[in-house]
């Protein structure tokens, strides 16, 4: 498994995938089927990058054409059920035939837009108009996006419909003649449907209507009594004849629909090729639109074990900060095989750096552009991320115990090419044992093929020269007195000002430097009593 459901959630990959906006049911299916590209899929991944790069160029150059395409996408319905019925020789309904005709119209529109773009579309993305079926469903060549069982489909159907029309015209004329005759005879207005409503208080009219042999009682309310013209036997026979003809019409229409369905079965593979192409095109445009939205770049894939990110951005965090009127500080890392330790105070962005590495690595292997200035990486067999929140109440495990179980599983894959990300290992146990376990884990992983990044508060884990040490720059170089004055002067919440000046960039530490005091300084800014802080600094000096 490349990535577990838990790691997917902890890296917040769902935030990215939710922003891959497709508009067709076929695009939605293609999105659900997205899988990471592994080492053996390198050529396919490079091809996907090229496609996204091409579509990004088209979006930037022909934005309105792409918007028009996506608007067409919105009108595609899921016809896979109808196509399945065609395969199983079930006769399609008139509604289904109409939907397929609409589908064919939409394909023509898409193809016209693609032609204007002069885009040499890859074979699996091609949309293929089906003119023979279009002619079949539009026999009168009127070019209207409606469907009807046209007379042109059957001479027998044409004859039946003419008979029905002639008889109904005859009945209509007969009813009109009787109505006009009665109106003159009774000197009263009769509705076009042959009904007369008389108020119950008008006894004379009611008696007249009751005594008229050409009228029969129909219905009544608390105010009126309604009579209607009685049909003579000849009209009644004609109506029965119409009913019989309409049954014949339905039978013949079914025969026509069956023939149309059989004709479509010959093109079923073209239908499936088109829905696959529509889905792939919809998804590709969604990927390209996402890349444009966050100014993503095409990652560079190399064979050597390497991971380099220049000015990477965590999109979810960046968007949250922007809503607060703040900006995300881009993060750069250059990770080598073995173990990298990231140190720094709380609120310094260590966890965000870890998430950024995992998120961008996962995005790159899922065939997406990444939010960074540059990214170079090698394909991995897996990504593992321990966030330190793995408490399992149903198994009765502590946070530390659950974390160790997860790490135990991934240790078995340390010989593979992967990324192991651990956020403050052993935070759930006592410091002495936590340090010992962390040190042992680093000693084991530093000689493995996997890339490992561990954030930690434990001092001393980075003394090994083979461990690459990165430190969050934090509040380095900040004038704390001036910062404290700003907090007091503006009556702002201290934590907000700290975030404002915190530098989340990572810097390489080549020698064992003096332990950073961001935590003590932050506590001072937050107003913790000075005598406690002085004591803390003294303890730090004597450690």
Protein backbone atom coordinates (compact mmCIF):
# COMPACT_ATOMS: atom_id res chain seq x y z
CA UNK A 1 0.00 0.00 0.00
CA UNK A 2 1.35 3.40 -1.00
CA UNK A 3 -0.60 5.37 1.58
CA UNK A 4 -3.00 4.27 4.33
CA UNK A 5 -6.38 5.82 4.99
CA UNK A 6 -5.06 7.26 8.26
CA UNK A 7 -2.04 8.85 6.56
CA UNK A 8 -4.31 10.19 3.78
CA UNK A 9 -6.44 11.87 6.46
CA UNK A 10 -3.53 13.19 8.54
CA UNK A 11 -1.82 14.70 5.50
CA UNK A 12 -5.18 16.36 4.64
CA UNK A 13 -5.04 15.04 1.10
CA UNK A 14 -8.83 15.21 1.05
CA UNK A 15 -8.53 19.01 1.03
CA UNK A 16 -6.62 18.77 -2.26
CA UNK A 17 -8.82 16.11 -3.85
CA UNK A 18 -11.97 18.04 -2.92
CA UNK A 19 -10.60 20.86 -5.07
CA UNK A 20 -10.18 18.69 -8.13
CA UNK A 21 -13.51 19.83 -9.55
CA UNK A 22 -15.02 17.59 -12.22
CA UNK A 23 -18.45 18.14 -13.77
CA UNK A 24 -19.42 14.87 -15.45
CA UNK A 25 -20.35 11.56 -13.80
CA UNK A 26 -17.60 10.04 -15.95
CA UNK A 27 -15.06 12.53 -14.60
CA UNK A 28 -16.20 11.71 -11.08
CA UNK A 29 -15.55 8.03 -11.77
CA UNK A 30 -12.11 8.80 -13.22
CA UNK A 31 -11.32 10.87 -10.12
CA UNK A 32 -12.34 8.00 -7.81
CA UNK A 33 -10.05 5.68 -9.76
CA UNK A 34 -6.99 7.94 -9.35
CA UNK A 35 -4.06 5.91 -8.05
CA UNK A 36 -0.49 6.84 -7.19
CA UNK A 37 2.14 6.23 -9.86
CA UNK A 38 4.76 3.83 -8.55
CA UNK A 39 8.30 3.21 -9.81
CA UNK A 40 7.16 0.95 -12.61
CA UNK A 41 4.75 3.70 -13.74
CA UNK A 42 7.38 6.38 -14.19
CA UNK A 43 6.80 6.85 -17.94
CA UNK A 44 3.04 7.10 -17.45
CA UNK A 45 3.57 9.70 -14.70
CA UNK A 46 5.86 11.79 -16.91
CA UNK A 47 3.26 11.61 -19.67
CA UNK A 48 0.57 12.78 -17.23
CA UNK A 49 2.74 15.72 -16.21
CA UNK A 50 3.15 16.65 -19.88
CA UNK A 51 -0.62 16.52 -20.36
CA UNK A 52 -1.25 18.76 -17.35
CA UNK A 53 1.42 21.18 -18.58
CA UNK A 54 -0.31 21.27 -21.97
CA UNK A 55 -3.75 21.86 -20.50
CA UNK A 56 -2.40 24.59 -18.19
CA UNK A 57 -1.07 26.36 -21.29
CA UNK A 58 -4.46 26.00 -22.99
CA UNK A 59 -6.28 27.33 -19.90
CA UNK A 60 -4.02 30.38 -19.79
CA UNK A 61 -4.32 31.03 -23.53
CA UNK A 62 -7.92 29.97 -24.23
CA UNK A 63 -9.65 30.45 -20.89
CA UNK A 64 -13.10 31.10 -22.35
CA UNK A 65 -12.97 28.01 -24.56
CA UNK A 66 -12.14 25.89 -21.53
CA UNK A 67 -14.96 27.51 -19.57
CA UNK A 68 -17.29 26.68 -22.46
CA UNK A 69 -16.11 23.06 -22.37
CA UNK A 70 -16.72 22.80 -18.64
CA UNK A 71 -20.17 24.29 -19.09
CA UNK A 72 -20.92 21.53 -21.63
CA UNK A 73 -19.62 18.96 -19.13
CA UNK A 74 -22.33 20.05 -16.69
CA UNK A 75 -25.03 18.81 -19.08
CA UNK A 76 -23.77 15.23 -19.40
CA UNK A 77 -25.98 12.70 -17.64
CA UNK A 78 -24.90 9.29 -16.44
CA UNK A 79 -26.05 6.99 -19.25
CA UNK A 80 -24.11 3.90 -18.19
CA UNK A 81 -27.36 2.24 -17.10
CA UNK A 82 -28.84 2.76 -20.58
CA UNK A 83 -25.66 1.45 -22.24
CA UNK A 84 -25.85 -1.63 -20.03
CA UNK A 85 -29.45 -2.16 -21.11
CA UNK A 86 -28.37 -1.90 -24.75
CA UNK A 87 -25.77 -4.62 -24.15
CA UNK A 88 -28.40 -6.83 -22.55
CA UNK A 89 -30.82 -6.34 -25.51
CA UNK A 90 -33.39 -4.47 -23.43
CA UNK A 91 -35.40 -2.01 -25.49
CA UNK A 92 -34.75 1.61 -24.58
CA UNK A 93 -37.55 3.99 -23.64
CA UNK A 94 -38.29 7.20 -25.51
CA UNK A 95 -36.71 9.17 -22.65
CA UNK A 96 -33.52 7.10 -22.87
CA UNK A 97 -33.35 7.63 -26.63
CA UNK A 98 -33.77 11.37 -26.07
CA UNK A 99 -30.92 11.34 -23.49
CA UNK A 100 -28.64 9.51 -25.90
CA UNK A 101 -29.46 12.01 -28.65
CA UNK A 102 -28.59 14.84 -26.23
CA UNK A 103 -25.34 13.00 -25.41
CA UNK A 104 -24.46 12.89 -29.12
CA UNK A 105 -25.23 16.61 -29.49
CA UNK A 106 -22.92 17.43 -26.57
CA UNK A 107 -20.12 15.34 -28.09
CA UNK A 108 -20.38 17.33 -31.32
CA UNK A 109 -20.13 20.61 -29.38
CA UNK A 110 -17.08 19.38 -27.45
CA UNK A 111 -15.39 18.23 -30.63
CA UNK A 112 -15.98 21.62 -32.26
CA UNK A 113 -14.28 23.42 -29.37
CA UNK A 114 -11.33 21.01 -29.37
CA UNK A 115 -10.89 21.55 -33.11
CA UNK A 116 -10.63 25.31 -32.56
CA UNK A 117 -7.86 24.79 -29.99
CA UNK A 118 -5.62 23.00 -32.52
CA UNK A 119 -4.80 20.53 -29.79
CA UNK A 120 -3.34 17.17 -30.75
CA UNK A 121 -5.44 15.33 -28.19
CA UNK A 122 -3.98 12.05 -26.84
CA UNK A 123 -5.82 8.97 -28.08
CA UNK A 124 -7.42 8.09 -24.75
CA UNK A 125 -8.80 11.63 -24.40
CA UNK A 126 -10.32 11.84 -27.87
CA UNK A 127 -14.02 12.62 -28.19
CA UNK A 128 -15.48 10.89 -31.25
CA UNK A 129 -18.70 12.23 -32.81
CA UNK A 130 -21.03 9.45 -34.00
CA UNK A 131 -22.68 10.87 -37.15
CA UNK A 132 -24.41 7.64 -38.19
CA UNK A 133 -26.27 7.45 -34.88
CA UNK A 134 -26.95 11.17 -34.98
CA UNK A 135 -28.64 10.64 -38.36
CA UNK A 136 -30.53 7.67 -36.95
CA UNK A 137 -31.97 9.69 -34.07
CA UNK A 138 -32.60 12.75 -36.23
CA UNK A 139 -34.09 11.24 -39.41
CA UNK A 140 -35.75 14.49 -40.46
CA UNK A 141 -32.41 16.38 -40.16
CA UNK A 142 -33.95 19.22 -38.19
CA UNK A 143 -30.94 19.56 -35.85
CA UNK A 144 -33.16 20.04 -32.81
CA UNK A 145 -32.16 18.53 -29.47
CA UNK A 146 -35.49 16.73 -28.97
CA UNK A 147 -36.58 13.19 -29.75
CA UNK A 148 -39.79 11.71 -31.10
CA UNK A 149 -40.70 8.39 -32.73
CA UNK A 150 -40.89 10.00 -36.15
CA UNK A 151 -43.20 8.78 -38.94
CA UNK A 152 -40.06 8.37 -41.03
CA UNK A 153 -39.11 5.31 -38.96
CA UNK A 154 -42.10 3.23 -40.16
CA UNK A 155 -44.57 3.35 -43.03
CA UNK A 156 -47.01 1.34 -40.93
CA UNK A 157 -46.69 3.85 -38.09
CA UNK A 158 -47.31 6.69 -40.52
CA UNK A 159 -50.54 5.02 -41.78
CA UNK A 160 -51.82 4.31 -38.24
CA UNK A 161 -51.22 7.88 -37.12
CA UNK A 162 -52.99 9.25 -40.20
CA UNK A 163 -55.99 7.05 -39.45
CA UNK A 164 -56.09 8.26 -35.85
CA UNK A 165 -55.81 11.86 -36.97
CA UNK A 166 -58.61 11.49 -39.54
CA UNK A 167 -60.98 9.78 -37.08
CA UNK A 168 -60.26 12.32 -34.33
CA UNK A 169 -60.94 15.14 -36.80
CA UNK A 170 -64.22 13.50 -37.75
CA UNK A 171 -65.21 13.14 -34.06
CA UNK A 172 -64.27 16.75 -33.41
CA UNK A 173 -66.41 17.95 -36.31
CA UNK A 174 -69.37 15.81 -35.21
CA UNK A 175 -69.17 17.15 -31.65
CA UNK A 176 -68.97 20.68 -32.93
CA UNK A 177 -72.05 20.23 -35.12
CA UNK A 178 -74.08 18.77 -32.24
CA UNK A 179 -72.91 21.54 -29.89
CA UNK A 180 -73.84 24.30 -32.32
CA UNK A 181 -77.22 22.67 -32.97
CA UNK A 182 -78.02 22.43 -29.23
CA UNK A 183 -76.88 26.01 -28.58
CA UNK A 184 -79.43 27.26 -31.11
CA UNK A 185 -82.12 24.89 -29.87
CA UNK A 186 -81.68 25.70 -26.16
CA UNK A 187 -80.47 29.27 -26.65
CA UNK A 188 -77.63 28.68 -24.20
CA UNK A 189 -73.81 28.73 -24.30
CA UNK A 190 -72.21 25.25 -24.28
CA UNK A 191 -68.52 24.86 -23.40
CA UNK A 192 -66.12 23.57 -26.11
CA UNK A 193 -65.82 20.31 -24.15
CA UNK A 194 -69.57 19.80 -24.48
CA UNK A 195 -70.52 20.64 -20.88
CA UNK A 196 -73.23 22.96 -19.48
CA UNK A 197 -73.25 24.11 -15.83
CA UNK A 198 -76.62 25.25 -14.41
CA UNK A 199 -77.12 26.97 -11.05
CA UNK A 200 -79.38 24.91 -8.78
CA UNK A 201 -81.55 27.94 -8.16
CA UNK A 202 -82.44 28.09 -11.88
CA UNK A 203 -85.16 25.42 -11.78
CA UNK A 204 -86.48 26.27 -15.25
CA UNK A 205 -83.08 25.76 -16.93
CA UNK A 206 -82.40 22.55 -15.05
CA UNK A 207 -85.77 21.16 -16.14
CA UNK A 208 -85.03 22.12 -19.74
CA UNK A 209 -81.64 20.41 -19.65
CA UNK A 210 -83.04 17.29 -17.95
CA UNK A 211 -85.68 16.94 -20.68
CA UNK A 212 -83.20 17.34 -23.54
CA UNK A 213 -82.52 13.86 -25.01
CA UNK A 214 -79.10 14.93 -26.36
CA UNK A 215 -77.83 15.75 -22.83
CA UNK A 216 -76.96 13.53 -19.86
CA UNK A 217 -76.24 14.28 -16.20
CA UNK A 218 -72.47 14.59 -15.53
CA UNK A 219 -71.78 15.90 -11.99
CA UNK A 220 -72.82 18.46 -9.43
CA UNK A 221 -71.54 20.70 -6.63
CA UNK A 222 -73.41 22.43 -3.83
CA UNK A 223 -74.17 25.29 -6.27
CA UNK A 224 -74.27 23.79 -9.79
CA UNK A 225 -75.39 20.78 -11.77
CA UNK A 226 -73.35 19.91 -14.85
CA UNK A 227 -74.73 18.20 -17.97
CA UNK A 228 -72.83 17.08 -21.02
CA UNK A 229 -73.63 16.22 -24.62
CA UNK A 230 -74.45 12.54 -25.05
CA UNK A 231 -72.39 10.92 -27.76
CA UNK A 232 -74.33 9.04 -30.38
CA UNK A 233 -73.43 5.44 -31.16
CA UNK A 234 -71.47 6.34 -34.28
CA UNK A 235 -69.12 8.66 -32.33
CA UNK A 236 -68.75 6.07 -29.59
CA UNK A 237 -67.72 3.49 -32.17
CA UNK A 238 -65.20 5.91 -33.62
CA UNK A 239 -63.67 6.46 -30.16
CA UNK A 240 -63.30 2.70 -29.70
CA UNK A 241 -61.65 2.55 -33.10
CA UNK A 242 -59.18 5.27 -32.01
CA UNK A 243 -58.35 3.34 -28.83
CA UNK A 244 -57.60 0.24 -30.89
CA UNK A 245 -55.43 2.22 -33.30
CA UNK A 246 -53.50 3.76 -30.40
CA UNK A 247 -52.68 0.27 -29.13
CA UNK A 248 -51.36 -0.54 -32.60
CA UNK A 249 -49.39 2.72 -32.52
CA UNK A 250 -47.77 1.77 -29.21
CA UNK A 251 -46.86 -1.67 -30.55
CA UNK A 252 -45.29 -0.19 -33.66
CA UNK A 253 -43.43 2.44 -31.62
CA UNK A 254 -42.03 -0.38 -29.48
CA UNK A 255 -40.88 -2.13 -32.66
CA UNK A 256 -39.16 1.09 -33.76
CA UNK A 257 -37.49 1.57 -30.36
CA UNK A 258 -36.30 -2.03 -30.45
CA UNK A 259 -34.72 -1.52 -33.88
CA UNK A 260 -33.06 1.70 -32.74
CA UNK A 261 -31.68 -0.07 -29.66
CA UNK A 262 -30.31 -2.90 -31.81
CA UNK A 263 -28.69 -0.37 -34.14
CA UNK A 264 -26.99 1.30 -31.15
CA UNK A 265 -25.63 -2.02 -29.90
CA UNK A 266 -23.34 -2.08 -32.92
CA UNK A 267 -21.74 1.13 -31.62
CA UNK A 268 -21.59 0.24 -27.93
CA UNK A 269 -17.78 0.25 -27.88
CA UNK A 270 -17.79 3.77 -29.32
CA UNK A 271 -20.15 4.86 -26.55
CA UNK A 272 -17.85 3.43 -23.89
CA UNK A 273 -14.76 4.94 -25.53
CA UNK A 274 -16.48 8.33 -25.52
CA UNK A 275 -17.53 8.24 -21.88
CA UNK A 276 -14.01 7.16 -20.93
CA UNK A 277 -12.57 10.00 -23.01
CA UNK A 278 -15.02 12.51 -21.52
CA UNK A 279 -14.14 11.37 -17.99
CA UNK A 280 -10.39 11.54 -18.63
CA UNK A 281 -10.68 14.96 -20.30
CA UNK A 282 -12.88 16.29 -17.50
CA UNK A 283 -10.36 15.09 -14.90
CA UNK A 284 -7.36 16.45 -16.83
CA UNK A 285 -8.94 19.91 -17.11
CA UNK A 286 -9.75 19.73 -13.38
CA UNK A 287 -6.10 18.93 -12.60
CA UNK A 288 -4.94 21.76 -14.85
CA UNK A 289 -7.40 24.21 -13.27
CA UNK A 290 -6.17 23.22 -9.81
CA UNK A 291 -2.57 23.80 -10.89
CA UNK A 292 -3.48 27.25 -12.24
CA UNK A 293 -5.42 28.10 -9.07
CA UNK A 294 -2.47 27.53 -6.73
CA UNK A 295 0.28 28.36 -9.25
CA UNK A 296 1.54 24.78 -9.18
CA UNK A 297 4.64 23.51 -10.94
CA UNK A 298 5.54 20.27 -12.67
CA UNK A 299 7.68 18.12 -10.35
CA UNK A 300 10.95 16.74 -11.68
CA UNK A 301 11.41 12.98 -11.29
CA UNK A 302 14.92 11.58 -10.73
CA UNK A 303 16.28 8.07 -10.14
CA UNK A 304 18.45 8.84 -7.10
CA UNK A 305 16.87 8.90 -3.66
CA UNK A 306 16.11 12.57 -3.27
CA UNK A 307 13.48 15.06 -2.21
CA UNK A 308 13.96 18.76 -2.79
CA UNK A 309 11.24 21.39 -2.39
CA UNK A 310 11.86 25.07 -3.08
CA UNK A 311 9.35 27.52 -1.59
CA UNK A 312 6.67 24.92 -0.97
CA UNK A 313 3.25 26.02 0.28
CA UNK A 314 0.67 24.12 2.30
CA UNK A 315 -2.48 25.19 0.48
CA UNK A 316 -4.94 24.59 3.32
CA UNK A 317 -2.84 26.51 5.84
CA UNK A 318 -2.09 29.25 3.31
CA UNK A 319 -5.80 29.71 2.57
CA UNK A 320 -6.65 29.84 6.27
CA UNK A 321 -3.96 32.48 6.87
CA UNK A 322 -5.14 34.54 3.89
CA UNK A 323 -8.62 34.74 5.41
CA UNK A 324 -6.95 36.24 8.49
CA UNK A 325 -5.03 38.76 6.38
CA UNK A 326 -1.75 36.87 6.78
CA UNK A 327 0.60 35.15 4.35
CA UNK A 328 2.14 31.67 4.44
CA UNK A 329 5.93 31.62 4.65
CA UNK A 330 7.15 29.26 1.89
CA UNK A 331 9.25 26.33 3.11
CA UNK A 332 12.28 24.84 1.36
CA UNK A 333 13.84 21.47 2.15
CA UNK A 334 16.49 19.28 0.57
CA UNK A 335 16.15 15.82 2.09
CA UNK A 336 18.71 13.09 1.58
CA UNK A 337 18.57 9.35 2.22
CA UNK A 338 18.75 8.54 5.91
CA UNK A 339 17.38 10.59 8.80
CA UNK A 340 16.58 14.29 8.99
CA UNK A 341 15.66 15.86 12.34
CA UNK A 342 13.68 19.09 12.57
CA UNK A 343 13.90 20.98 15.83
CA UNK A 344 12.32 24.17 17.11
CA UNK A 345 9.85 25.51 19.64
CA UNK A 346 6.14 24.84 19.68
CA UNK A 347 4.20 27.08 17.26
CA UNK A 348 7.34 27.11 15.12
CA UNK A 349 5.78 25.20 12.23
CA UNK A 350 7.61 21.84 12.57
CA UNK A 351 4.42 19.85 12.05
CA UNK A 352 3.43 22.01 9.07
CA UNK A 353 6.85 21.39 7.52
CA UNK A 354 6.37 17.66 8.00
CA UNK A 355 2.86 17.76 6.52
CA UNK A 356 4.13 19.85 3.61
CA UNK A 357 6.74 17.25 2.69
CA UNK A 358 4.21 14.42 2.87
CA UNK A 359 1.44 16.31 1.10
CA UNK A 360 3.53 17.50 -1.84
CA UNK A 361 5.15 14.08 -2.21
CA UNK A 362 1.74 12.41 -2.31
CA UNK A 363 0.35 14.99 -4.76
CA UNK A 364 3.33 14.46 -7.07
CA UNK A 365 2.84 10.69 -7.12
CA UNK A 366 -0.88 11.03 -7.71
CA UNK A 367 0.00 12.90 -10.91
CA UNK A 368 -0.67 16.46 -9.74
CA UNK A 369 1.32 19.65 -10.01
CA UNK A 370 2.53 20.92 -6.64
CA UNK A 371 2.31 24.34 -4.92
CA UNK A 372 6.00 25.23 -4.94
CA UNK A 373 8.59 27.07 -6.96
CA UNK A 374 10.42 23.80 -7.70
CA UNK A 375 10.22 20.17 -6.64
CA UNK A 376 12.58 17.29 -7.44
CA UNK A 377 11.84 13.82 -6.11
CA UNK A 378 12.26 10.11 -6.65
CA UNK A 379 9.26 7.79 -6.82
CA UNK A 380 8.50 6.08 -3.52
CA UNK A 381 6.91 2.77 -2.56
CA UNK A 382 5.03 4.32 0.34
CA UNK A 383 4.49 7.41 2.48
CA UNK A 384 4.08 7.00 6.24
CA UNK A 385 3.09 9.81 8.59
CA UNK A 386 2.79 9.48 12.36
CA UNK A 387 1.07 12.56 13.76
CA UNK A 388 1.15 11.41 17.36
CA UNK A 389 -2.65 11.36 17.74
CA UNK A 390 -3.19 7.65 17.40
CA UNK A 391 -4.93 6.88 20.69
CA UNK A 392 -7.16 3.85 20.23
CA UNK A 393 -9.85 3.80 22.92
CA UNK A 394 -11.45 0.62 21.62
CA UNK A 395 -8.21 -1.32 22.14
CA UNK A 396 -7.41 0.42 25.39
CA UNK A 397 -4.06 1.70 24.12
CA UNK A 398 -2.37 4.90 25.13
CA UNK A 399 -1.28 7.45 22.54
CA UNK A 400 2.28 6.17 22.83
CA UNK A 401 1.26 2.52 22.50
CA UNK A 402 -0.83 3.13 19.42
CA UNK A 403 1.98 5.17 17.88
CA UNK A 404 4.50 2.38 18.46
CA UNK A 405 2.19 -0.15 16.79
CA UNK A 406 2.06 2.03 13.68
CA UNK A 407 5.83 2.52 13.64
CA UNK A 408 6.36 -1.22 14.15
CA UNK A 409 4.49 -1.89 10.89
CA UNK A 410 6.43 0.66 8.87
CA UNK A 411 9.83 -0.45 10.23
CA UNK A 412 9.28 -3.69 8.32
CA UNK A 413 9.28 -1.64 5.11
CA UNK A 414 12.31 0.51 5.95
CA UNK A 415 14.39 -1.40 3.39
CA UNK A 416 12.06 -0.14 0.65
CA UNK A 417 12.21 3.26 -0.97
CA UNK A 418 9.74 5.33 1.02
CA UNK A 419 9.15 8.41 3.14
CA UNK A 420 8.73 8.08 6.91
CA UNK A 421 7.47 11.19 8.68
CA UNK A 422 7.23 11.15 12.47
CA UNK A 423 5.99 14.13 14.45
CA UNK A 424 7.60 14.19 17.90
CA UNK A 425 8.08 10.49 18.51
CA UNK A 426 7.38 9.23 22.04
CA UNK A 427 5.74 12.45 23.20
CA UNK A 428 3.34 10.24 25.11
CA UNK A 429 5.95 8.76 27.48
CA UNK A 430 8.54 10.03 29.98
CA UNK A 431 11.40 12.13 28.49
CA UNK A 432 14.27 9.74 29.34
CA UNK A 433 12.70 6.70 27.73
CA UNK A 434 11.29 8.81 24.93
CA UNK A 435 14.80 10.05 24.10
CA UNK A 436 16.21 6.51 24.22
CA UNK A 437 13.55 5.09 21.89
CA UNK A 438 13.90 8.03 19.49
CA UNK A 439 17.69 7.61 19.45
CA UNK A 440 17.41 3.88 18.77
CA UNK A 441 14.95 4.47 15.95
CA UNK A 442 17.22 7.09 14.37
CA UNK A 443 20.21 4.71 14.64
CA UNK A 444 18.23 2.03 12.80
CA UNK A 445 16.75 4.25 10.09
CA UNK A 446 19.86 6.30 9.27
CA UNK A 447 21.31 3.41 7.24
CA UNK A 448 18.08 2.39 5.47
CA UNK A 449 16.99 3.26 1.93
CA UNK A 450 13.97 5.21 3.09
CA UNK A 451 13.89 8.97 3.64
CA UNK A 452 13.02 9.68 7.27
CA UNK A 453 12.10 13.04 8.79
CA UNK A 454 11.50 13.32 12.52
CA UNK A 455 10.47 16.41 14.45
CA UNK A 456 11.59 16.42 18.05
CA UNK A 457 12.01 18.40 21.25
CA UNK A 458 14.65 16.04 22.59
CA UNK A 459 18.07 17.64 22.76
CA UNK A 460 20.93 15.42 21.65
CA UNK A 461 19.26 13.43 18.86
CA UNK A 462 21.11 15.42 16.23
CA UNK A 463 24.63 14.97 17.59
CA UNK A 464 25.26 12.11 15.14
CA UNK A 465 27.01 13.61 12.09
CA UNK A 466 25.06 11.31 9.76
CA UNK A 467 21.78 12.89 10.91
CA UNK A 468 20.76 15.90 8.86
CA UNK A 469 19.65 18.64 11.26
CA UNK A 470 17.16 21.32 10.29
CA UNK A 471 15.84 23.95 12.66
CA UNK A 472 12.85 26.26 12.39
CA UNK A 473 14.21 29.78 12.21
CA UNK A 474 11.43 30.91 14.55
CA UNK A 475 11.95 34.29 16.23
CA UNK A 476 15.67 34.43 15.55
CA UNK A 477 16.92 38.02 15.30
CA UNK A 478 13.70 39.48 16.70
CA UNK A 479 13.92 42.37 19.20
CA UNK A 480 11.84 40.89 22.02
CA UNK A 481 11.60 44.15 23.91
CA UNK A 482 10.18 45.90 20.84
CA UNK A 483 7.83 42.98 20.27
CA UNK A 484 6.62 43.10 23.87
CA UNK A 485 6.10 46.84 23.52
CA UNK A 486 3.98 46.29 20.37
CA UNK A 487 1.79 43.79 22.19
CA UNK A 488 1.29 46.20 25.12
CA UNK A 489 0.77 49.27 22.89
CA UNK A 490 -1.83 47.67 20.60
CA UNK A 491 -3.50 45.68 23.35
CA UNK A 492 -3.31 42.71 20.99
CA UNK A 493 -3.41 39.08 21.98
CA UNK A 494 0.22 38.03 22.33
CA UNK A 495 -0.18 34.82 20.34
CA UNK A 496 -1.37 36.76 17.28
CA UNK A 497 1.70 38.99 17.32
CA UNK A 498 3.99 35.97 17.75
CA UNK A 499 2.44 34.35 14.64
CA UNK A 500 2.93 37.60 12.78
CA UNK A 501 6.70 37.62 13.35
CA UNK A 502 7.39 33.86 13.45
CA UNK A 503 9.71 32.76 10.61
CA UNK A 504 8.72 29.21 9.66
CA UNK A 505 11.62 28.64 7.27
CA UNK A 506 14.03 25.78 7.94
CA UNK A 507 17.76 26.36 8.28
CA UNK A 508 20.47 23.74 8.32
CA UNK A 509 22.35 23.30 11.60
CA UNK A 510 25.83 21.89 11.02
CA UNK A 511 27.15 22.15 14.56
CA UNK A 512 25.50 21.54 17.94
CA UNK A 513 24.34 25.08 18.57
CA UNK A 514 23.08 26.54 21.78
CA UNK A 515 19.57 25.33 22.42
CA UNK A 516 17.11 27.87 20.93
CA UNK A 517 15.08 29.76 23.50
CA UNK A 518 11.98 30.52 21.44
CA UNK A 519 9.79 28.68 23.95
CA UNK A 520 11.07 30.77 26.88
CA UNK A 521 10.81 33.98 24.87
CA UNK A 522 7.28 33.14 23.73
CA UNK A 523 6.34 32.45 27.34
CA UNK A 524 7.80 35.84 28.26
CA UNK A 525 5.74 37.53 25.53
CA UNK A 526 2.64 35.76 26.78
CA UNK A 527 3.23 37.31 30.21
CA UNK A 528 4.52 34.39 32.29
CA UNK A 529 6.06 35.62 35.55
CA UNK A 530 9.66 36.76 35.07
CA UNK A 531 10.97 34.94 38.15
CA UNK A 532 9.84 31.64 36.62
CA UNK A 533 11.47 32.47 33.31
CA UNK A 534 14.78 33.42 34.98
CA UNK A 535 14.76 30.09 36.82
CA UNK A 536 14.05 28.27 33.54
CA UNK A 537 16.99 30.00 31.85
CA UNK A 538 19.24 29.05 34.76
CA UNK A 539 18.16 25.42 34.53
CA UNK A 540 18.85 25.49 30.79
CA UNK A 541 22.37 26.81 31.34
CA UNK A 542 23.22 24.06 33.83
CA UNK A 543 21.79 21.19 31.77
